[in-house]
Amino acid sequence: MRCTLCPRRCAVDRSAGTGFCGAGDSMRVARAMLHFGEEPPISGTRGSGAVFFTGCSLRCVFCQNSTISAPGAAHGRTFTETGFIEVLDGLVRAGAHNINLVTPTHFAYPIARALEKYRPPVPVVWNSGGYESVETLRMLEGLVDVFLPDFKYAEAALAERLSSAPDYPETALAALREMRRQQPENILDADGILQKGVLIRHLILPGHTKNSVAALELLHREFPDTPVSLMAQYTPMGRVCTDDRFADLRRPITARERNKVLDVMLALDMPGYYQSRKSAGDALIPDFTQFDGKDS
């Protein structure tokens, strides 16, 4: 089958090779864990049942998970549908507030098949970079309770430079509209855990507050009632640290940069969450060697 799951539509036969995402036709998972580093309505007190997939359709040069997202990433294990369901059920039994599928787009087909057979008794979260095909999202309708997408770029030139995706702004906006159509209302339980809805993330990048301000203004205009998580955790990682073309990104954001963007969010009276710069660093990055080895 020729793959058109993500907006790149590279049409690779993944049974014979790998697509732009670096993935073949078998689902690969690098880690499954109770994760406490997400937003309060996702992590709660018991943790989010995070499942980190190997590969990605974006290739952001600053990716904090580059050891599992880059083409040829070493970490991860191939899972059958049955094995994957067992992983999800294990997270539920461990007390997870939700099943949090992290960077799942390139495995949408096997994920959808698994969720049609096993519906977790907790919300299913689709945690993605926001670069999604509307057709793929429609395939997931009824299977995903919470969408947790990024909206990384309002500037096409920056999206091309840092993620090789010049069509990111319009593509991500179309995806967000579809997510909101499927989940038009944010519903929290008595403990403040998101049961249904959409929560949009935006990461402030050093030297690019103009992009962040434009992104917030776009989100406010398009989705005024949808909460936004403004992230200040940027830490130089991935290709930024090895490729001199991105040397300008080899620093955390400054207090001035963070406050400039936050002031815009507050002035627009946008609902949501915002981080302290103390969130920067690698403390929240999981050990991705858990599933290295024998396939399941």
C-alpha atoms as a PDB file:
ATOM      1  CA  MET A   1       0.000   0.000   0.000  1.00  0.00           C
ATOM      2  CA  ARG A   2       1.321   3.451  -0.906  1.00  0.00           C
ATOM      3  CA  CYS A   3       1.402   5.636   2.196  1.00  0.00           C
ATOM      4  CA  THR A   4      -0.459   8.956   2.250  1.00  0.00           C
ATOM      5  CA  LEU A   5      -1.095   9.121   5.997  1.00  0.00           C
ATOM      6  CA  CYS A   6       0.664  12.437   6.602  1.00  0.00           C
ATOM      7  CA  PRO A   7       0.508  15.657   4.544  1.00  0.00           C
ATOM      8  CA  ARG A   8       3.770  14.788   2.767  1.00  0.00           C
ATOM      9  CA  ARG A   9       1.952  11.997   0.921  1.00  0.00           C
ATOM     10  CA  CYS A  10       5.291  10.447  -0.032  1.00  0.00           C
ATOM     11  CA  ALA A  11       3.487   7.379  -1.466  1.00  0.00           C
ATOM     12  CA  VAL A  12       6.173   4.953  -0.352  1.00  0.00           C
ATOM     13  CA  ASP A  13       5.298   1.262  -0.248  1.00  0.00           C
ATOM     14  CA  ARG A  14       6.130   0.769   3.428  1.00  0.00           C
ATOM     15  CA  SER A  15       6.024  -3.013   3.105  1.00  0.00           C
ATOM     16  CA  ALA A  16       9.134  -2.706   0.941  1.00  0.00           C
ATOM     17  CA  GLY A  17      10.818   0.404   2.322  1.00  0.00           C
ATOM     18  CA  THR A  18      10.475   3.383   4.620  1.00  0.00           C
ATOM     19  CA  GLY A  19       8.714   6.678   4.139  1.00  0.00           C
ATOM     20  CA  PHE A  20       9.844  10.207   4.967  1.00  0.00           C
ATOM     21  CA  CYS A  21       8.907   9.366   8.578  1.00  0.00           C
ATOM     22  CA  GLY A  22      11.514   6.604   8.643  1.00  0.00           C
ATOM     23  CA  ALA A  23       8.907   3.931   9.372  1.00  0.00           C
ATOM     24  CA  GLY A  24       8.079   0.687   7.641  1.00  0.00           C
ATOM     25  CA  ASP A  25       4.699  -0.992   7.864  1.00  0.00           C
ATOM     26  CA  SER A  26       5.185  -2.457  11.373  1.00  0.00           C
ATOM     27  CA  MET A  27       4.351  -0.421  14.445  1.00  0.00           C
ATOM     28  CA  ARG A  28       7.427   0.498  16.516  1.00  0.00           C
ATOM     29  CA  VAL A  29       7.240   1.725  20.100  1.00  0.00           C
ATOM     30  CA  ALA A  30      10.210   3.103  22.029  1.00  0.00           C
ATOM     31  CA  ARG A  31       8.659   3.514  25.473  1.00  0.00           C
ATOM     32  CA  ALA A  32       5.381   3.146  27.375  1.00  0.00           C
ATOM     33  CA  MET A  33       5.204   4.769  30.801  1.00  0.00           C
ATOM     34  CA  LEU A  34       3.274   6.806  33.317  1.00  0.00           C
ATOM     35  CA  HIS A  35       4.288  10.334  32.347  1.00  0.00           C
ATOM     36  CA  PHE A  36       3.988  13.246  34.776  1.00  0.00           C
ATOM     37  CA  GLY A  37       5.399  16.003  32.575  1.00  0.00           C
ATOM     38  CA  GLU A  38       2.289  16.873  30.564  1.00  0.00           C
ATOM     39  CA  GLU A  39      -0.226  19.652  31.283  1.00  0.00           C
ATOM     40  CA  PRO A  40      -2.259  19.299  34.536  1.00  0.00           C
ATOM     41  CA  PRO A  41      -5.460  18.039  32.821  1.00  0.00           C
ATOM     42  CA  ILE A  42      -3.407  15.357  31.036  1.00  0.00           C
ATOM     43  CA  SER A  43      -0.956  14.122  33.696  1.00  0.00           C
ATOM     44  CA  GLY A  44      -3.148  14.683  36.743  1.00  0.00           C
ATOM     45  CA  THR A  45      -1.932  12.966  39.909  1.00  0.00           C
ATOM     46  CA  ARG A  46      -1.551   9.407  38.593  1.00  0.00           C
ATOM     47  CA  GLY A  47       0.232  10.164  35.347  1.00  0.00           C
ATOM     48  CA  SER A  48      -0.607   9.961  31.672  1.00  0.00           C
ATOM     49  CA  GLY A  49      -0.190   6.574  29.977  1.00  0.00           C
ATOM     50  CA  ALA A  50       2.297   7.765  27.368  1.00  0.00           C
ATOM     51  CA  VAL A  51       3.222   5.562  24.409  1.00  0.00           C
ATOM     52  CA  PHE A  52       6.186   6.985  22.459  1.00  0.00           C
ATOM     53  CA  PHE A  53       6.377   5.814  18.845  1.00  0.00           C
ATOM     54  CA  THR A  54       9.576   5.549  16.807  1.00  0.00           C
ATOM     55  CA  GLY A  55       9.758   7.819  13.747  1.00  0.00           C
ATOM     56  CA  CYS A  56       8.098  11.117  12.811  1.00  0.00           C
ATOM     57  CA  SER A  57       6.847  12.929   9.724  1.00  0.00           C
ATOM     58  CA  LEU A  58       8.300  16.316  10.719  1.00  0.00           C
ATOM     59  CA  ARG A  59      12.061  16.024  11.497  1.00  0.00           C
ATOM     60  CA  CYS A  60      12.275  19.254  13.518  1.00  0.00           C
ATOM     61  CA  VAL A  61      15.936  20.191  13.899  1.00  0.00           C
ATOM     62  CA  PHE A  62      15.413  20.940  17.615  1.00  0.00           C
ATOM     63  CA  CYS A  63      13.483  17.758  18.474  1.00  0.00           C
ATOM     64  CA  GLN A  64      14.005  16.696  22.100  1.00  0.00           C
ATOM     65  CA  ASN A  65      13.096  13.127  21.160  1.00  0.00           C
ATOM     66  CA  SER A  66      15.459  12.935  18.172  1.00  0.00           C
ATOM     67  CA  THR A  67      16.899   9.612  19.341  1.00  0.00           C
ATOM     68  CA  ILE A  68      13.565   7.991  18.465  1.00  0.00           C
ATOM     69  CA  SER A  69      12.134  10.379  15.874  1.00  0.00           C
ATOM     70  CA  ALA A  70      14.933  10.649  13.327  1.00  0.00           C
ATOM     71  CA  PRO A  71      15.145   8.261  10.342  1.00  0.00           C
ATOM     72  CA  GLY A  72      17.066   5.166  11.315  1.00  0.00           C
ATOM     73  CA  ALA A  73      16.444   5.725  15.034  1.00  0.00           C
ATOM     74  CA  ALA A  74      17.869   2.794  16.945  1.00  0.00           C
ATOM     75  CA  HIS A  75      15.404   2.641  19.796  1.00  0.00           C
ATOM     76  CA  GLY A  76      12.118   0.784  19.703  1.00  0.00           C
ATOM     77  CA  ARG A  77      10.520  -2.580  19.268  1.00  0.00           C
ATOM     78  CA  THR A  78       8.076  -3.825  16.662  1.00  0.00           C
ATOM     79  CA  PHE A  79       4.677  -4.652  18.126  1.00  0.00           C
ATOM     80  CA  THR A  80       1.874  -6.800  16.815  1.00  0.00           C
ATOM     81  CA  GLU A  81      -1.668  -5.580  17.292  1.00  0.00           C
ATOM     82  CA  THR A  82      -2.111  -7.982  20.213  1.00  0.00           C
ATOM     83  CA  GLY A  83       1.140  -6.886  21.833  1.00  0.00           C
ATOM     84  CA  PHE A  84       0.208  -3.230  21.451  1.00  0.00           C
ATOM     85  CA  ILE A  85      -3.183  -3.791  23.086  1.00  0.00           C
ATOM     86  CA  GLU A  86      -1.415  -5.495  25.984  1.00  0.00           C
ATOM     87  CA  VAL A  87       0.774  -2.396  26.402  1.00  0.00           C
ATOM     88  CA  LEU A  88      -2.304  -0.137  26.525  1.00  0.00           C
ATOM     89  CA  ASP A  89      -4.074  -2.388  28.987  1.00  0.00           C
ATOM     90  CA  GLY A  90      -0.977  -2.474  31.179  1.00  0.00           C
ATOM     91  CA  LEU A  91      -0.962   1.325  31.388  1.00  0.00           C
ATOM     92  CA  VAL A  92      -4.650   1.339  32.332  1.00  0.00           C
ATOM     93  CA  ARG A  93      -4.053  -1.238  35.065  1.00  0.00           C
ATOM     94  CA  ALA A  94      -1.135   0.877  36.328  1.00  0.00           C
ATOM     95  CA  GLY A  95      -3.602   3.703  36.985  1.00  0.00           C
ATOM     96  CA  ALA A  96      -3.042   6.009  33.985  1.00  0.00           C
ATOM     97  CA  HIS A  97      -5.555   8.822  33.618  1.00  0.00           C
ATOM     98  CA  ASN A  98      -5.503   8.320  29.849  1.00  0.00           C
ATOM     99  CA  ILE A  99      -3.749   6.603  26.952  1.00  0.00           C
ATOM    100  CA  ASN A 100      -1.437   9.230  25.468  1.00  0.00           C
ATOM    101  CA  LEU A 101      -0.268   8.331  21.930  1.00  0.00           C
ATOM    102  CA  VAL A 102       2.849  10.421  21.275  1.00  0.00           C
ATOM    103  CA  THR A 103       3.800  11.137  17.632  1.00  0.00           C
ATOM    104  CA  PRO A 104       1.394   8.476  16.330  1.00  0.00           C
ATOM    105  CA  THR A 105       0.439   9.737  12.858  1.00  0.00           C
ATOM    106  CA  HIS A 106       2.630   7.422  10.763  1.00  0.00           C
ATOM    107  CA  PHE A 107       1.084   4.390  12.528  1.00  0.00           C
ATOM    108  CA  ALA A 108      -2.512   5.587  12.301  1.00  0.00           C
ATOM    109  CA  TYR A 109      -3.725   2.439  10.506  1.00  0.00           C
ATOM    110  CA  PRO A 110      -2.551  -0.161  13.041  1.00  0.00           C
ATOM    111  CA  ILE A 111      -3.488   2.138  15.928  1.00  0.00           C
ATOM    112  CA  ALA A 112      -7.026   2.517  14.580  1.00  0.00           C
ATOM    113  CA  ARG A 113      -7.360  -1.243  14.143  1.00  0.00           C
ATOM    114  CA  ALA A 114      -6.198  -1.825  17.727  1.00  0.00           C
ATOM    115  CA  LEU A 115      -8.574   0.788  19.152  1.00  0.00           C
ATOM    116  CA  GLU A 116     -11.483  -0.725  17.257  1.00  0.00           C
ATOM    117  CA  LYS A 117     -10.788  -3.991  19.097  1.00  0.00           C
ATOM    118  CA  TYR A 118      -9.858  -2.533  22.471  1.00  0.00           C
ATOM    119  CA  ARG A 119     -11.495   0.634  23.764  1.00  0.00           C
ATOM    120  CA  PRO A 120      -9.637   1.725  26.919  1.00  0.00           C
ATOM    121  CA  PRO A 121     -11.838   2.711  29.880  1.00  0.00           C
ATOM    122  CA  VAL A 122      -9.904   6.018  29.983  1.00  0.00           C
ATOM    123  CA  PRO A 123      -9.652   8.783  27.340  1.00  0.00           C
ATOM    124  CA  VAL A 124      -7.428   8.252  24.298  1.00  0.00           C
ATOM    125  CA  VAL A 125      -5.154  11.242  23.607  1.00  0.00           C
ATOM    126  CA  TRP A 126      -3.716  11.944  20.127  1.00  0.00           C
ATOM    127  CA  ASN A 127      -0.487  13.828  20.924  1.00  0.00           C
ATOM    128  CA  SER A 128       1.020  15.081  17.670  1.00  0.00           C
ATOM    129  CA  GLY A 129       3.096  17.775  16.015  1.00  0.00           C
ATOM    130  CA  GLY A 130      -0.036  19.211  14.420  1.00  0.00           C
ATOM    131  CA  TYR A 131       1.127  18.346  10.903  1.00  0.00           C
ATOM    132  CA  GLU A 132      -1.805  16.111  10.044  1.00  0.00           C
ATOM    133  CA  SER A 133      -3.885  15.087   7.052  1.00  0.00           C
ATOM    134  CA  VAL A 134      -7.588  15.818   7.485  1.00  0.00           C
ATOM    135  CA  GLU A 135      -8.355  12.485   5.787  1.00  0.00           C
ATOM    136  CA  THR A 136      -6.279  10.592   8.353  1.00  0.00           C
ATOM    137  CA  LEU A 137      -7.959  12.438  11.216  1.00  0.00           C
ATOM    138  CA  ARG A 138     -11.381  11.528   9.845  1.00  0.00           C
ATOM    139  CA  MET A 139     -10.344   7.876   9.867  1.00  0.00           C
ATOM    140  CA  LEU A 140      -9.842   8.233  13.634  1.00  0.00           C
ATOM    141  CA  GLU A 141     -13.249   9.744  14.358  1.00  0.00           C
ATOM    142  CA  GLY A 142     -14.868   8.067  17.345  1.00  0.00           C
ATOM    143  CA  LEU A 143     -11.563   6.520  18.458  1.00  0.00           C
ATOM    144  CA  VAL A 144      -9.834   9.622  19.884  1.00  0.00           C
ATOM    145  CA  ASP A 145     -11.229  11.548  22.842  1.00  0.00           C
ATOM    146  CA  VAL A 146      -8.628  14.280  23.281  1.00  0.00           C
ATOM    147  CA  PHE A 147      -6.446  15.961  20.669  1.00  0.00           C
ATOM    148  CA  LEU A 148      -3.163  17.412  21.971  1.00  0.00           C
ATOM    149  CA  PRO A 149      -1.529  18.967  18.886  1.00  0.00           C
ATOM    150  CA  ASP A 150       1.286  21.440  18.505  1.00  0.00           C
ATOM    151  CA  PHE A 151       0.863  24.597  16.507  1.00  0.00           C
ATOM    152  CA  LYS A 152       4.544  25.269  15.913  1.00  0.00           C
ATOM    153  CA  TYR A 153       4.667  27.853  13.164  1.00  0.00           C
ATOM    154  CA  ALA A 154       2.706  30.770  11.788  1.00  0.00           C
ATOM    155  CA  GLU A 155       5.612  31.564   9.455  1.00  0.00           C
ATOM    156  CA  ALA A 156       6.040  29.293   6.428  1.00  0.00           C
ATOM    157  CA  ALA A 157       9.725  30.180   5.958  1.00  0.00           C
ATOM    158  CA  LEU A 158      10.528  29.186   9.526  1.00  0.00           C
ATOM    159  CA  ALA A 159       8.572  25.949   9.145  1.00  0.00           C
ATOM    160  CA  GLU A 160      10.593  25.121   6.036  1.00  0.00           C
ATOM    161  CA  ARG A 161      13.908  25.916   7.678  1.00  0.00           C
ATOM    162  CA  LEU A 162      13.324  24.034  10.924  1.00  0.00           C
ATOM    163  CA  SER A 163      10.915  21.226   9.952  1.00  0.00           C
ATOM    164  CA  SER A 164      11.148  20.917   6.140  1.00  0.00           C
ATOM    165  CA  ALA A 165       7.417  21.710   5.994  1.00  0.00           C
ATOM    166  CA  PRO A 166       6.699  25.067   4.313  1.00  0.00           C
ATOM    167  CA  ASP A 167       2.991  24.182   4.197  1.00  0.00           C
ATOM    168  CA  TYR A 168       2.860  23.710   7.972  1.00  0.00           C
ATOM    169  CA  PRO A 169       0.785  26.805   8.914  1.00  0.00           C
ATOM    170  CA  GLU A 170      -2.180  26.178   6.620  1.00  0.00           C
ATOM    171  CA  THR A 171      -1.957  22.387   6.983  1.00  0.00           C
ATOM    172  CA  ALA A 172      -1.933  22.517  10.784  1.00  0.00           C
ATOM    173  CA  LEU A 173      -4.802  25.005  10.868  1.00  0.00           C
ATOM    174  CA  ALA A 174      -6.912  22.705   8.685  1.00  0.00           C
ATOM    175  CA  ALA A 175      -6.061  19.804  11.003  1.00  0.00           C
ATOM    176  CA  LEU A 176      -7.003  21.836  14.073  1.00  0.00           C
ATOM    177  CA  ARG A 177     -10.374  22.674  12.531  1.00  0.00           C
ATOM    178  CA  GLU A 178     -11.025  18.972  11.988  1.00  0.00           C
ATOM    179  CA  MET A 179      -9.961  18.126  15.535  1.00  0.00           C
ATOM    180  CA  ARG A 180     -12.316  20.767  16.891  1.00  0.00           C
ATOM    181  CA  ARG A 181     -15.119  19.466  14.683  1.00  0.00           C
ATOM    182  CA  GLN A 182     -14.689  16.001  16.145  1.00  0.00           C
ATOM    183  CA  GLN A 183     -14.340  17.288  19.717  1.00  0.00           C
ATOM    184  CA  PRO A 184     -16.203  20.614  19.852  1.00  0.00           C
ATOM    185  CA  GLU A 185     -16.265  20.937  23.642  1.00  0.00           C
ATOM    186  CA  ASN A 186     -13.669  20.470  26.364  1.00  0.00           C
ATOM    187  CA  ILE A 187     -15.036  18.256  29.134  1.00  0.00           C
ATOM    188  CA  LEU A 188     -13.151  17.674  32.399  1.00  0.00           C
ATOM    189  CA  ASP A 189     -14.024  15.180  35.121  1.00  0.00           C
ATOM    190  CA  ALA A 190     -14.345  15.972  38.832  1.00  0.00           C
ATOM    191  CA  ASP A 191     -10.556  15.669  39.216  1.00  0.00           C
ATOM    192  CA  GLY A 192      -9.855  18.170  36.415  1.00  0.00           C
ATOM    193  CA  ILE A 193      -8.717  15.538  33.912  1.00  0.00           C
ATOM    194  CA  LEU A 194      -9.617  16.227  30.296  1.00  0.00           C
ATOM    195  CA  GLN A 195     -12.087  13.608  29.057  1.00  0.00           C
ATOM    196  CA  LYS A 196     -12.884  15.107  25.650  1.00  0.00           C
ATOM    197  CA  GLY A 197     -11.658  18.112  23.739  1.00  0.00           C
ATOM    198  CA  VAL A 198      -8.647  19.871  22.229  1.00  0.00           C
ATOM    199  CA  LEU A 199      -5.616  21.465  23.902  1.00  0.00           C
ATOM    200  CA  ILE A 200      -3.144  23.217  21.563  1.00  0.00           C
ATOM    201  CA  ARG A 201       0.557  23.546  22.385  1.00  0.00           C
ATOM    202  CA  HIS A 202       2.980  26.209  21.201  1.00  0.00           C
ATOM    203  CA  LEU A 203       6.716  26.148  21.949  1.00  0.00           C
ATOM    204  CA  ILE A 204       8.541  29.488  22.065  1.00  0.00           C
ATOM    205  CA  LEU A 205      11.782  29.311  20.063  1.00  0.00           C
ATOM    206  CA  PRO A 206      14.824  31.521  20.793  1.00  0.00           C
ATOM    207  CA  GLY A 207      14.978  34.518  18.491  1.00  0.00           C
ATOM    208  CA  HIS A 208      11.517  33.875  17.066  1.00  0.00           C
ATOM    209  CA  THR A 209       9.019  35.668  19.272  1.00  0.00           C
ATOM    210  CA  LYS A 210       7.478  37.186  16.135  1.00  0.00           C
ATOM    211  CA  ASN A 211       6.466  33.681  15.039  1.00  0.00           C
ATOM    212  CA  SER A 212       5.016  32.951  18.490  1.00  0.00           C
ATOM    213  CA  VAL A 213       2.996  36.170  18.602  1.00  0.00           C
ATOM    214  CA  ALA A 214       1.614  35.489  15.118  1.00  0.00           C
ATOM    215  CA  ALA A 215       0.767  31.911  16.126  1.00  0.00           C
ATOM    216  CA  LEU A 216      -1.161  33.066  19.202  1.00  0.00           C
ATOM    217  CA  GLU A 217      -3.031  35.674  17.193  1.00  0.00           C
ATOM    218  CA  LEU A 218      -4.006  33.056  14.605  1.00  0.00           C
ATOM    219  CA  LEU A 219      -5.187  30.626  17.276  1.00  0.00           C
ATOM    220  CA  HIS A 220      -7.153  33.332  19.055  1.00  0.00           C
ATOM    221  CA  ARG A 221      -8.893  34.295  15.841  1.00  0.00           C
ATOM    222  CA  GLU A 222      -9.644  30.744  14.718  1.00  0.00           C
ATOM    223  CA  PHE A 223     -10.227  28.987  18.061  1.00  0.00           C
ATOM    224  CA  PRO A 224     -11.009  31.609  20.724  1.00  0.00           C
ATOM    225  CA  ASP A 225     -12.405  29.104  23.211  1.00  0.00           C
ATOM    226  CA  THR A 226      -9.769  26.396  22.779  1.00  0.00           C
ATOM    227  CA  PRO A 227      -7.106  26.367  25.526  1.00  0.00           C
ATOM    228  CA  VAL A 228      -3.476  26.865  24.580  1.00  0.00           C
ATOM    229  CA  SER A 229      -0.420  25.557  26.404  1.00  0.00           C
ATOM    230  CA  LEU A 230       2.399  28.086  26.009  1.00  0.00           C
ATOM    231  CA  MET A 231       5.670  26.200  26.420  1.00  0.00           C
ATOM    232  CA  ALA A 232       8.937  27.766  27.611  1.00  0.00           C
ATOM    233  CA  GLN A 233      10.889  24.505  27.914  1.00  0.00           C
ATOM    234  CA  TYR A 234      12.986  24.875  24.758  1.00  0.00           C
ATOM    235  CA  THR A 235      16.398  23.241  25.228  1.00  0.00           C
ATOM    236  CA  PRO A 236      18.996  22.955  22.417  1.00  0.00           C
ATOM    237  CA  MET A 237      18.893  19.353  21.221  1.00  0.00           C
ATOM    238  CA  GLY A 238      18.937  17.286  18.060  1.00  0.00           C
ATOM    239  CA  ARG A 239      20.563  18.692  14.916  1.00  0.00           C
ATOM    240  CA  VAL A 240      20.733  22.157  16.487  1.00  0.00           C
ATOM    241  CA  CYS A 241      23.718  20.916  18.500  1.00  0.00           C
ATOM    242  CA  THR A 242      25.632  19.456  15.546  1.00  0.00           C
ATOM    243  CA  ASP A 243      24.724  21.546  12.505  1.00  0.00           C
ATOM    244  CA  ASP A 244      26.173  25.065  12.396  1.00  0.00           C
ATOM    245  CA  ARG A 245      23.318  26.241  10.167  1.00  0.00           C
ATOM    246  CA  PHE A 246      21.203  26.254  13.312  1.00  0.00           C
ATOM    247  CA  ALA A 247      23.742  27.739  15.709  1.00  0.00           C
ATOM    248  CA  ASP A 248      21.354  30.596  16.455  1.00  0.00           C
ATOM    249  CA  LEU A 249      19.129  28.086  18.273  1.00  0.00           C
ATOM    250  CA  ARG A 250      21.858  26.867  20.641  1.00  0.00           C
ATOM    251  CA  ARG A 251      20.476  28.686  23.662  1.00  0.00           C
ATOM    252  CA  PRO A 252      17.354  28.592  25.812  1.00  0.00           C
ATOM    253  CA  ILE A 253      14.812  31.373  25.493  1.00  0.00           C
ATOM    254  CA  THR A 254      15.363  34.476  27.632  1.00  0.00           C
ATOM    255  CA  ALA A 255      13.016  35.792  30.293  1.00  0.00           C
ATOM    256  CA  ARG A 256      12.303  38.742  28.011  1.00  0.00           C
ATOM    257  CA  GLU A 257      11.309  36.465  25.130  1.00  0.00           C
ATOM    258  CA  ARG A 258       9.056  34.335  27.317  1.00  0.00           C
ATOM    259  CA  ASN A 259       7.393  37.377  28.909  1.00  0.00           C
ATOM    260  CA  LYS A 260       6.854  39.105  25.571  1.00  0.00           C
ATOM    261  CA  VAL A 261       4.874  36.146  24.230  1.00  0.00           C
ATOM    262  CA  LEU A 262       3.069  35.525  27.520  1.00  0.00           C
ATOM    263  CA  ASP A 263       1.977  39.169  27.638  1.00  0.00           C
ATOM    264  CA  VAL A 264       0.285  38.705  24.265  1.00  0.00           C
ATOM    265  CA  MET A 265      -1.490  35.554  25.464  1.00  0.00           C
ATOM    266  CA  LEU A 266      -2.747  37.361  28.562  1.00  0.00           C
ATOM    267  CA  ALA A 267      -3.762  40.466  26.599  1.00  0.00           C
ATOM    268  CA  LEU A 268      -5.822  38.281  24.257  1.00  0.00           C
ATOM    269  CA  ASP A 269      -7.382  36.638  27.336  1.00  0.00           C
ATOM    270  CA  MET A 270      -6.647  33.203  25.900  1.00  0.00           C
ATOM    271  CA  PRO A 271      -7.592  30.226  28.072  1.00  0.00           C
ATOM    272  CA  GLY A 272      -4.860  27.749  28.849  1.00  0.00           C
ATOM    273  CA  TYR A 273      -1.547  27.182  30.592  1.00  0.00           C
ATOM    274  CA  TYR A 274       1.961  28.586  30.504  1.00  0.00           C
ATOM    275  CA  GLN A 275       5.345  27.315  31.614  1.00  0.00           C
ATOM    276  CA  SER A 276       8.186  28.781  33.607  1.00  0.00           C
ATOM    277  CA  ARG A 277      11.613  28.816  31.969  1.00  0.00           C
ATOM    278  CA  LYS A 278      12.640  26.419  34.740  1.00  0.00           C
ATOM    279  CA  SER A 279      10.968  23.716  32.633  1.00  0.00           C
ATOM    280  CA  ALA A 280      13.933  23.772  30.241  1.00  0.00           C
ATOM    281  CA  GLY A 281      16.402  20.900  30.395  1.00  0.00           C
ATOM    282  CA  ASP A 282      16.363  17.170  29.807  1.00  0.00           C
ATOM    283  CA  ALA A 283      14.858  16.006  33.118  1.00  0.00           C
ATOM    284  CA  LEU A 284      11.496  15.136  31.516  1.00  0.00           C
ATOM    285  CA  ILE A 285      12.945  13.198  28.563  1.00  0.00           C
ATOM    286  CA  PRO A 286      12.321   9.473  29.096  1.00  0.00           C
ATOM    287  CA  ASP A 287      14.850   6.693  28.803  1.00  0.00           C
ATOM    288  CA  PHE A 288      13.928   5.285  25.405  1.00  0.00           C
ATOM    289  CA  THR A 289      15.750   1.976  25.805  1.00  0.00           C
ATOM    290  CA  GLN A 290      12.818   0.201  27.510  1.00  0.00           C
ATOM    291  CA  PHE A 291      11.638  -1.584  24.371  1.00  0.00           C
ATOM    292  CA  ASP A 292      14.980  -2.145  22.696  1.00  0.00           C
ATOM    293  CA  GLY A 293      15.395  -5.784  21.755  1.00  0.00           C
ATOM    294  CA  LYS A 294      12.999  -8.615  20.974  1.00  0.00           C
ATOM    295  CA  ASP A 295       9.829  -7.791  19.050  1.00  0.00           C
ATOM    296  CA  SER A 296       6.439  -8.376  20.652  1.00  0.00           C
END
